Amino acid sequence: MKFSKVFLPDSLATAACLVMGEGNECQPLAIISQLDFISLIDQDPSVEELESVKIDLEDDLYAPLLTSVKWLPGKKNTHKLQKNESNLH
């Protein structure tokens, strides 16, 4: 299997979770610092930047899982929810 793209934010989040730990050793916060190769910008991504992160379905690692399921549209029951909430008061 060949990978050509790394989603850096996902990798950093994974590293932070590893450092924070789970269970008794869990720390509530991890600070990631000294990443000179990352520059943050305060603007929306361009069309070219968005296109550069798209993965074709044939190249997607999760495509077999996601395409093998018969997906059903979700149902919105906001009217019933509001009606039930009014009965609680």
PDB file of N, CA and C in Angstrom:
ATOM      1  N   MET A   1       0.844  -1.164   0.000  1.00  0.00           N
ATOM      2  CA  MET A   1       0.000   0.000   0.000  1.00  0.00           C
ATOM      3  C   MET A   1       0.892   1.229   0.000  1.00  0.00           C
ATOM      4  N   LYS A   2       0.546   2.212  -0.811  1.00  0.00           N
ATOM      5  CA  LYS A   2       1.361   3.406  -0.941  1.00  0.00           C
ATOM      6  C   LYS A   2       0.569   4.628  -0.489  1.00  0.00           C
ATOM      7  N   PHE A   3       1.184   5.466   0.334  1.00  0.00           N
ATOM      8  CA  PHE A   3       0.570   6.710   0.773  1.00  0.00           C
ATOM      9  C   PHE A   3       1.417   7.861   0.266  1.00  0.00           C
ATOM     10  N   SER A   4       0.753   8.867  -0.257  1.00  0.00           N
ATOM     11  CA  SER A   4       1.513  10.002  -0.766  1.00  0.00           C
ATOM     12  C   SER A   4       1.165  11.307  -0.062  1.00  0.00           C
ATOM     13  N   LYS A   5       0.097  11.312   0.749  1.00  0.00           N
ATOM     14  CA  LYS A   5      -0.302  12.534   1.445  1.00  0.00           C
ATOM     15  C   LYS A   5      -0.376  12.277   2.941  1.00  0.00           C
ATOM     16  N   VAL A   6       0.074  13.241   3.702  1.00  0.00           N
ATOM     17  CA  VAL A   6      -0.021  13.192   5.148  1.00  0.00           C
ATOM     18  C   VAL A   6      -0.859  14.377   5.573  1.00  0.00           C
ATOM     19  N   PHE A   7      -1.895  14.115   6.355  1.00  0.00           N
ATOM     20  CA  PHE A   7      -2.716  15.200   6.866  1.00  0.00           C
ATOM     21  C   PHE A   7      -2.101  15.621   8.191  1.00  0.00           C
ATOM     22  N   LEU A   8      -1.305  16.661   8.132  1.00  0.00           N
ATOM     23  CA  LEU A   8      -0.499  17.082   9.271  1.00  0.00           C
ATOM     24  C   LEU A   8      -1.321  17.382  10.528  1.00  0.00           C
ATOM     25  N   PRO A   9      -2.456  18.104  10.436  1.00  0.00           N
ATOM     26  CA  PRO A   9      -3.217  18.346  11.669  1.00  0.00           C
ATOM     27  C   PRO A   9      -3.672  17.056  12.353  1.00  0.00           C
ATOM     28  N   ASP A  10      -4.035  16.065  11.574  1.00  0.00           N
ATOM     29  CA  ASP A  10      -4.454  14.784  12.137  1.00  0.00           C
ATOM     30  C   ASP A  10      -3.278  14.098  12.828  1.00  0.00           C
ATOM     31  N   SER A  11      -2.126  14.177  12.225  1.00  0.00           N
ATOM     32  CA  SER A  11      -0.931  13.582  12.822  1.00  0.00           C
ATOM     33  C   SER A  11      -0.559  14.279  14.124  1.00  0.00           C
ATOM     34  N   LEU A  12      -0.671  15.604  14.144  1.00  0.00           N
ATOM     35  CA  LEU A  12      -0.364  16.343  15.368  1.00  0.00           C
ATOM     36  C   LEU A  12      -1.365  16.014  16.473  1.00  0.00           C
ATOM     37  N   ALA A  13      -2.639  15.887  16.118  1.00  0.00           N
ATOM     38  CA  ALA A  13      -3.657  15.529  17.108  1.00  0.00           C
ATOM     39  C   ALA A  13      -3.393  14.138  17.670  1.00  0.00           C
ATOM     40  N   THR A  14      -2.977  13.216  16.821  1.00  0.00           N
ATOM     41  CA  THR A  14      -2.652  11.865  17.277  1.00  0.00           C
ATOM     42  C   THR A  14      -1.471  11.890  18.242  1.00  0.00           C
ATOM     43  N   ALA A  15      -0.451  12.666  17.910  1.00  0.00           N
ATOM     44  CA  ALA A  15       0.700  12.785  18.798  1.00  0.00           C
ATOM     45  C   ALA A  15       0.296  13.394  20.139  1.00  0.00           C
ATOM     46  N   ALA A  16      -0.576  14.408  20.106  1.00  0.00           N
ATOM     47  CA  ALA A  16      -1.037  15.034  21.352  1.00  0.00           C
ATOM     48  C   ALA A  16      -1.798  14.031  22.210  1.00  0.00           C
ATOM     49  N   CYS A  17      -2.633  13.216  21.591  1.00  0.00           N
ATOM     50  CA  CYS A  17      -3.377  12.188  22.347  1.00  0.00           C
ATOM     51  C   CYS A  17      -2.427  11.186  22.986  1.00  0.00           C
ATOM     52  N   LEU A  18      -1.377  10.835  22.276  1.00  0.00           N
ATOM     53  CA  LEU A  18      -0.399   9.899  22.819  1.00  0.00           C
ATOM     54  C   LEU A  18       0.288  10.492  24.048  1.00  0.00           C
ATOM     55  N   VAL A  19       0.649  11.763  23.979  1.00  0.00           N
ATOM     56  CA  VAL A  19       1.309  12.437  25.097  1.00  0.00           C
ATOM     57  C   VAL A  19       0.358  12.608  26.273  1.00  0.00           C
ATOM     58  N   MET A  20      -0.916  12.942  25.989  1.00  0.00           N
ATOM     59  CA  MET A  20      -1.881  13.176  27.068  1.00  0.00           C
ATOM     60  C   MET A  20      -2.228  11.888  27.796  1.00  0.00           C
ATOM     61  N   GLY A  21      -2.220  10.778  27.103  1.00  0.00           N
ATOM     62  CA  GLY A  21      -2.524   9.503  27.734  1.00  0.00           C
ATOM     63  C   GLY A  21      -4.005   9.264  27.895  1.00  0.00           C
ATOM     64  N   GLU A  22      -4.321   8.120  28.467  1.00  0.00           N
ATOM     65  CA  GLU A  22      -5.707   7.730  28.722  1.00  0.00           C
ATOM     66  C   GLU A  22      -5.808   7.214  30.154  1.00  0.00           C
ATOM     67  N   GLY A  23      -7.003   7.223  30.697  1.00  0.00           N
ATOM     68  CA  GLY A  23      -7.216   6.683  32.035  1.00  0.00           C
ATOM     69  C   GLY A  23      -6.568   7.519  33.109  1.00  0.00           C
ATOM     70  N   ASN A  24      -5.890   6.867  34.044  1.00  0.00           N
ATOM     71  CA  ASN A  24      -5.295   7.550  35.206  1.00  0.00           C
ATOM     72  C   ASN A  24      -4.188   8.528  34.841  1.00  0.00           C
ATOM     73  N   GLU A  25      -3.477   8.265  33.749  1.00  0.00           N
ATOM     74  CA  GLU A  25      -2.365   9.146  33.388  1.00  0.00           C
ATOM     75  C   GLU A  25      -2.799  10.304  32.495  1.00  0.00           C
ATOM     76  N   CYS A  26      -4.053  10.445  32.275  1.00  0.00           N
ATOM     77  CA  CYS A  26      -4.568  11.444  31.341  1.00  0.00           C
ATOM     78  C   CYS A  26      -4.270  12.876  31.777  1.00  0.00           C
ATOM     79  N   GLN A  27      -3.725  13.647  30.864  1.00  0.00           N
ATOM     80  CA  GLN A  27      -3.495  15.072  31.051  1.00  0.00           C
ATOM     81  C   GLN A  27      -4.553  15.809  30.231  1.00  0.00           C
ATOM     82  N   PRO A  28      -5.128  16.892  30.756  1.00  0.00           N
ATOM     83  CA  PRO A  28      -6.228  17.557  30.047  1.00  0.00           C
ATOM     84  C   PRO A  28      -5.805  18.384  28.847  1.00  0.00           C
ATOM     85  N   LEU A  29      -4.509  18.619  28.660  1.00  0.00           N
ATOM     86  CA  LEU A  29      -4.074  19.527  27.606  1.00  0.00           C
ATOM     87  C   LEU A  29      -2.674  19.161  27.148  1.00  0.00           C
ATOM     88  N   ALA A  30      -2.447  19.270  25.854  1.00  0.00           N
ATOM     89  CA  ALA A  30      -1.105  19.106  25.304  1.00  0.00           C
ATOM     90  C   ALA A  30      -0.802  20.347  24.480  1.00  0.00           C
ATOM     91  N   ILE A  31       0.345  20.927  24.695  1.00  0.00           N
ATOM     92  CA  ILE A  31       0.769  22.104  23.938  1.00  0.00           C
ATOM     93  C   ILE A  31       1.827  21.662  22.934  1.00  0.00           C
ATOM     94  N   ILE A  32       1.554  21.925  21.685  1.00  0.00           N
ATOM     95  CA  ILE A  32       2.492  21.587  20.614  1.00  0.00           C
ATOM     96  C   ILE A  32       3.240  22.862  20.264  1.00  0.00           C
ATOM     97  N   SER A  33       4.558  22.807  20.360  1.00  0.00           N
ATOM     98  CA  SER A  33       5.362  24.010  20.095  1.00  0.00           C
ATOM     99  C   SER A  33       6.574  23.665  19.239  1.00  0.00           C
ATOM    100  N   GLN A  34       7.277  24.694  18.828  1.00  0.00           N
ATOM    101  CA  GLN A  34       8.507  24.582  18.047  1.00  0.00           C
ATOM    102  C   GLN A  34       8.306  23.824  16.736  1.00  0.00           C
ATOM    103  N   LEU A  35       7.271  24.195  16.016  1.00  0.00           N
ATOM    104  CA  LEU A  35       7.008  23.618  14.702  1.00  0.00           C
ATOM    105  C   LEU A  35       7.290  24.683  13.646  1.00  0.00           C
ATOM    106  N   ASP A  36       8.569  24.921  13.396  1.00  0.00           N
ATOM    107  CA  ASP A  36       8.976  25.968  12.469  1.00  0.00           C
ATOM    108  C   ASP A  36       8.521  25.703  11.034  1.00  0.00           C
ATOM    109  N   PHE A  37       8.223  24.463  10.709  1.00  0.00           N
ATOM    110  CA  PHE A  37       7.821  24.136   9.348  1.00  0.00           C
ATOM    111  C   PHE A  37       6.330  24.390   9.097  1.00  0.00           C
ATOM    112  N   ILE A  38       5.609  24.880  10.113  1.00  0.00           N
ATOM    113  CA  ILE A  38       4.186  25.190   9.964  1.00  0.00           C
ATOM    114  C   ILE A  38       3.998  26.691  10.115  1.00  0.00           C
ATOM    115  N   SER A  39       3.261  27.266   9.164  1.00  0.00           N
ATOM    116  CA  SER A  39       2.896  28.675   9.299  1.00  0.00           C
ATOM    117  C   SER A  39       1.381  28.777   9.204  1.00  0.00           C
ATOM    118  N   LEU A  40       0.786  29.376  10.214  1.00  0.00           N
ATOM    119  CA  LEU A  40      -0.658  29.517  10.264  1.00  0.00           C
ATOM    120  C   LEU A  40      -1.054  30.821   9.603  1.00  0.00           C
ATOM    121  N   ILE A  41      -2.154  30.776   8.867  1.00  0.00           N
ATOM    122  CA  ILE A  41      -2.657  31.979   8.213  1.00  0.00           C
ATOM    123  C   ILE A  41      -4.105  32.189   8.612  1.00  0.00           C
ATOM    124  N   ASP A  42      -4.537  33.428   8.580  1.00  0.00           N
ATOM    125  CA  ASP A  42      -5.903  33.771   8.981  1.00  0.00           C
ATOM    126  C   ASP A  42      -6.723  34.123   7.749  1.00  0.00           C
ATOM    127  N   GLN A  43      -6.976  33.106   6.916  1.00  0.00           N
ATOM    128  CA  GLN A  43      -7.798  33.295   5.724  1.00  0.00           C
ATOM    129  C   GLN A  43      -8.354  31.954   5.287  1.00  0.00           C
ATOM    130  N   ASP A  44      -9.418  31.996   4.534  1.00  0.00           N
ATOM    131  CA  ASP A  44     -10.003  30.771   4.009  1.00  0.00           C
ATOM    132  C   ASP A  44      -9.076  30.184   2.950  1.00  0.00           C
ATOM    133  N   PRO A  45      -9.089  28.851   2.801  1.00  0.00           N
ATOM    134  CA  PRO A  45      -8.240  28.242   1.771  1.00  0.00           C
ATOM    135  C   PRO A  45      -8.725  28.609   0.376  1.00  0.00           C
ATOM    136  N   SER A  46      -7.795  28.680  -0.547  1.00  0.00           N
ATOM    137  CA  SER A  46      -8.143  28.969  -1.941  1.00  0.00           C
ATOM    138  C   SER A  46      -8.736  27.716  -2.584  1.00  0.00           C
ATOM    139  N   VAL A  47      -9.300  27.881  -3.752  1.00  0.00           N
ATOM    140  CA  VAL A  47      -9.850  26.739  -4.497  1.00  0.00           C
ATOM    141  C   VAL A  47      -8.735  25.744  -4.791  1.00  0.00           C
ATOM    142  N   GLU A  48      -7.563  26.245  -5.146  1.00  0.00           N
ATOM    143  CA  GLU A  48      -6.430  25.365  -5.446  1.00  0.00           C
ATOM    144  C   GLU A  48      -6.012  24.565  -4.205  1.00  0.00           C
ATOM    145  N   GLU A  49      -6.000  25.220  -3.045  1.00  0.00           N
ATOM    146  CA  GLU A  49      -5.626  24.519  -1.812  1.00  0.00           C
ATOM    147  C   GLU A  49      -6.659  23.454  -1.465  1.00  0.00           C
ATOM    148  N   LEU A  50      -7.932  23.763  -1.632  1.00  0.00           N
ATOM    149  CA  LEU A  50      -8.974  22.765  -1.370  1.00  0.00           C
ATOM    150  C   LEU A  50      -8.858  21.589  -2.327  1.00  0.00           C
ATOM    151  N   GLU A  51      -8.590  21.874  -3.588  1.00  0.00           N
ATOM    152  CA  GLU A  51      -8.442  20.808  -4.579  1.00  0.00           C
ATOM    153  C   GLU A  51      -7.241  19.922  -4.272  1.00  0.00           C
ATOM    154  N   SER A  52      -6.191  20.500  -3.707  1.00  0.00           N
ATOM    155  CA  SER A  52      -4.971  19.733  -3.448  1.00  0.00           C
ATOM    156  C   SER A  52      -5.150  18.688  -2.347  1.00  0.00           C
ATOM    157  N   VAL A  53      -6.171  18.821  -1.504  1.00  0.00           N
ATOM    158  CA  VAL A  53      -6.371  17.851  -0.432  1.00  0.00           C
ATOM    159  C   VAL A  53      -7.457  16.824  -0.745  1.00  0.00           C
ATOM    160  N   LYS A  54      -8.085  16.932  -1.896  1.00  0.00           N
ATOM    161  CA  LYS A  54      -9.097  15.949  -2.278  1.00  0.00           C
ATOM    162  C   LYS A  54      -8.429  14.638  -2.663  1.00  0.00           C
ATOM    163  N   ILE A  55      -9.080  13.554  -2.295  1.00  0.00           N
ATOM    164  CA  ILE A  55      -8.577  12.221  -2.613  1.00  0.00           C
ATOM    165  C   ILE A  55      -9.603  11.527  -3.493  1.00  0.00           C
ATOM    166  N   ASP A  56      -9.166  10.994  -4.618  1.00  0.00           N
ATOM    167  CA  ASP A  56     -10.067  10.251  -5.493  1.00  0.00           C
ATOM    168  C   ASP A  56     -10.578   9.014  -4.775  1.00  0.00           C
ATOM    169  N   LEU A  57     -11.797   8.630  -5.068  1.00  0.00           N
ATOM    170  CA  LEU A  57     -12.409   7.480  -4.415  1.00  0.00           C
ATOM    171  C   LEU A  57     -11.559   6.221  -4.596  1.00  0.00           C
ATOM    172  N   GLU A  58     -10.941   6.076  -5.747  1.00  0.00           N
ATOM    173  CA  GLU A  58     -10.108   4.898  -6.004  1.00  0.00           C
ATOM    174  C   GLU A  58      -8.864   4.866  -5.110  1.00  0.00           C
ATOM    175  N   ASP A  59      -8.423   6.038  -4.664  1.00  0.00           N
ATOM    176  CA  ASP A  59      -7.219   6.122  -3.835  1.00  0.00           C
ATOM    177  C   ASP A  59      -7.526   6.216  -2.346  1.00  0.00           C
ATOM    178  N   ASP A  60      -8.788   6.294  -1.988  1.00  0.00           N
ATOM    179  CA  ASP A  60      -9.180   6.491  -0.595  1.00  0.00           C
ATOM    180  C   ASP A  60      -9.114   5.173   0.171  1.00  0.00           C
ATOM    181  N   LEU A  61      -8.376   5.170   1.256  1.00  0.00           N
ATOM    182  CA  LEU A  61      -8.212   3.979   2.081  1.00  0.00           C
ATOM    183  C   LEU A  61      -9.543   3.494   2.654  1.00  0.00           C
ATOM    184  N   TYR A  62     -10.457   4.423   2.946  1.00  0.00           N
ATOM    185  CA  TYR A  62     -11.723   4.075   3.576  1.00  0.00           C
ATOM    186  C   TYR A  62     -12.855   3.855   2.570  1.00  0.00           C
ATOM    187  N   ALA A  63     -12.600   4.030   1.296  1.00  0.00           N
ATOM    188  CA  ALA A  63     -13.646   3.906   0.274  1.00  0.00           C
ATOM    189  C   ALA A  63     -14.356   2.547   0.303  1.00  0.00           C
ATOM    190  N   PRO A  64     -13.659   1.422   0.422  1.00  0.00           N
ATOM    191  CA  PRO A  64     -14.379   0.143   0.452  1.00  0.00           C
ATOM    192  C   PRO A  64     -15.373   0.060   1.616  1.00  0.00           C
ATOM    193  N   LEU A  65     -15.008   0.584   2.740  1.00  0.00           N
ATOM    194  CA  LEU A  65     -15.902   0.574   3.893  1.00  0.00           C
ATOM    195  C   LEU A  65     -17.110   1.487   3.657  1.00  0.00           C
ATOM    196  N   LEU A  66     -16.850   2.689   3.187  1.00  0.00           N
ATOM    197  CA  LEU A  66     -17.921   3.669   3.020  1.00  0.00           C
ATOM    198  C   LEU A  66     -18.844   3.360   1.852  1.00  0.00           C
ATOM    199  N   THR A  67     -18.337   2.713   0.829  1.00  0.00           N
ATOM    200  CA  THR A  67     -19.169   2.408  -0.336  1.00  0.00           C
ATOM    201  C   THR A  67     -19.887   1.066  -0.222  1.00  0.00           C
ATOM    202  N   SER A  68     -19.554   0.248   0.767  1.00  0.00           N
ATOM    203  CA  SER A  68     -20.196  -1.062   0.912  1.00  0.00           C
ATOM    204  C   SER A  68     -21.478  -1.001   1.742  1.00  0.00           C
ATOM    205  N   VAL A  69     -21.786   0.159   2.292  1.00  0.00           N
ATOM    206  CA  VAL A  69     -22.948   0.316   3.166  1.00  0.00           C
ATOM    207  C   VAL A  69     -24.070   0.995   2.404  1.00  0.00           C
ATOM    208  N   LYS A  70     -25.291   0.515   2.617  1.00  0.00           N
ATOM    209  CA  LYS A  70     -26.446   1.189   2.025  1.00  0.00           C
ATOM    210  C   LYS A  70     -26.838   2.322   2.982  1.00  0.00           C
ATOM    211  N   TRP A  71     -26.459   3.532   2.619  1.00  0.00           N
ATOM    212  CA  TRP A  71     -26.709   4.685   3.467  1.00  0.00           C
ATOM    213  C   TRP A  71     -28.154   5.134   3.341  1.00  0.00           C
ATOM    214  N   LEU A  72     -28.756   5.433   4.463  1.00  0.00           N
ATOM    215  CA  LEU A  72     -30.130   5.917   4.493  1.00  0.00           C
ATOM    216  C   LEU A  72     -30.137   7.381   4.895  1.00  0.00           C
ATOM    217  N   PRO A  73     -31.026   8.150   4.296  1.00  0.00           N
ATOM    218  CA  PRO A  73     -31.089   9.559   4.694  1.00  0.00           C
ATOM    219  C   PRO A  73     -31.570   9.686   6.129  1.00  0.00           C
ATOM    220  N   GLY A  74     -31.049  10.677   6.823  1.00  0.00           N
ATOM    221  CA  GLY A  74     -31.471  10.918   8.197  1.00  0.00           C
ATOM    222  C   GLY A  74     -32.857  11.527   8.234  1.00  0.00           C
ATOM    223  N   LYS A  75     -33.529  11.356   9.351  1.00  0.00           N
ATOM    224  CA  LYS A  75     -34.860  11.924   9.524  1.00  0.00           C
ATOM    225  C   LYS A  75     -34.786  12.993  10.591  1.00  0.00           C
ATOM    226  N   LYS A  76     -35.437  14.094  10.328  1.00  0.00           N
ATOM    227  CA  LYS A  76     -35.481  15.179  11.293  1.00  0.00           C
ATOM    228  C   LYS A  76     -36.819  15.129  12.017  1.00  0.00           C
ATOM    229  N   ASN A  77     -36.758  15.009  13.313  1.00  0.00           N
ATOM    230  CA  ASN A  77     -37.966  14.963  14.132  1.00  0.00           C
ATOM    231  C   ASN A  77     -38.017  16.159  15.063  1.00  0.00           C
ATOM    232  N   THR A  78     -37.654  17.312  14.548  1.00  0.00           N
ATOM    233  CA  THR A  78     -37.596  18.484  15.415  1.00  0.00           C
ATOM    234  C   THR A  78     -38.977  18.836  15.943  1.00  0.00           C
ATOM    235  N   HIS A  79     -40.039  18.614  15.154  1.00  0.00           N
ATOM    236  CA  HIS A  79     -41.389  18.933  15.614  1.00  0.00           C
ATOM    237  C   HIS A  79     -41.751  18.050  16.808  1.00  0.00           C
ATOM    238  N   LYS A  80     -41.457  16.745  16.709  1.00  0.00           N
ATOM    239  CA  LYS A  80     -41.752  15.837  17.818  1.00  0.00           C
ATOM    240  C   LYS A  80     -40.917  16.168  19.040  1.00  0.00           C
ATOM    241  N   LEU A  81     -39.666  16.543  18.829  1.00  0.00           N
ATOM    242  CA  LEU A  81     -38.796  16.896  19.938  1.00  0.00           C
ATOM    243  C   LEU A  81     -39.335  18.116  20.677  1.00  0.00           C
ATOM    244  N   GLN A  82     -39.727  19.126  19.937  1.00  0.00           N
ATOM    245  CA  GLN A  82     -40.270  20.326  20.566  1.00  0.00           C
ATOM    246  C   GLN A  82     -41.559  20.008  21.308  1.00  0.00           C
ATOM    247  N   LYS A  83     -42.390  19.140  20.743  1.00  0.00           N
ATOM    248  CA  LYS A  83     -43.645  18.760  21.383  1.00  0.00           C
ATOM    249  C   LYS A  83     -43.368  18.020  22.688  1.00  0.00           C
ATOM    250  N   ASN A  84     -42.409  17.086  22.673  1.00  0.00           N
ATOM    251  CA  ASN A  84     -42.065  16.334  23.872  1.00  0.00           C
ATOM    252  C   ASN A  84     -41.462  17.234  24.943  1.00  0.00           C
ATOM    253  N   GLU A  85     -40.643  18.205  24.535  1.00  0.00           N
ATOM    254  CA  GLU A  85     -40.043  19.105  25.512  1.00  0.00           C
ATOM    255  C   GLU A  85     -41.101  19.940  26.205  1.00  0.00           C
ATOM    256  N   SER A  86     -42.153  20.339  25.498  1.00  0.00           N
ATOM    257  CA  SER A  86     -43.200  21.153  26.116  1.00  0.00           C
ATOM    258  C   SER A  86     -43.993  20.353  27.138  1.00  0.00           C
ATOM    259  N   ASN A  87     -44.020  19.007  26.995  1.00  0.00           N
ATOM    260  CA  ASN A  87     -44.716  18.167  27.968  1.00  0.00           C
ATOM    261  C   ASN A  87     -43.923  18.012  29.257  1.00  0.00           C
ATOM    262  N   LEU A  88     -42.623  18.293  29.195  1.00  0.00           N
ATOM    263  CA  LEU A  88     -41.797  18.135  30.389  1.00  0.00           C
ATOM    264  C   LEU A  88     -41.966  19.277  31.387  1.00  0.00           C
ATOM    265  N   HIS A  89     -42.441  20.423  30.948  1.00  0.00           N
ATOM    266  CA  HIS A  89     -42.539  21.599  31.828  1.00  0.00           C
ATOM    267  C   HIS A  89     -43.796  21.588  32.659  1.00  0.00           C
TER     268      HIS A  89
END
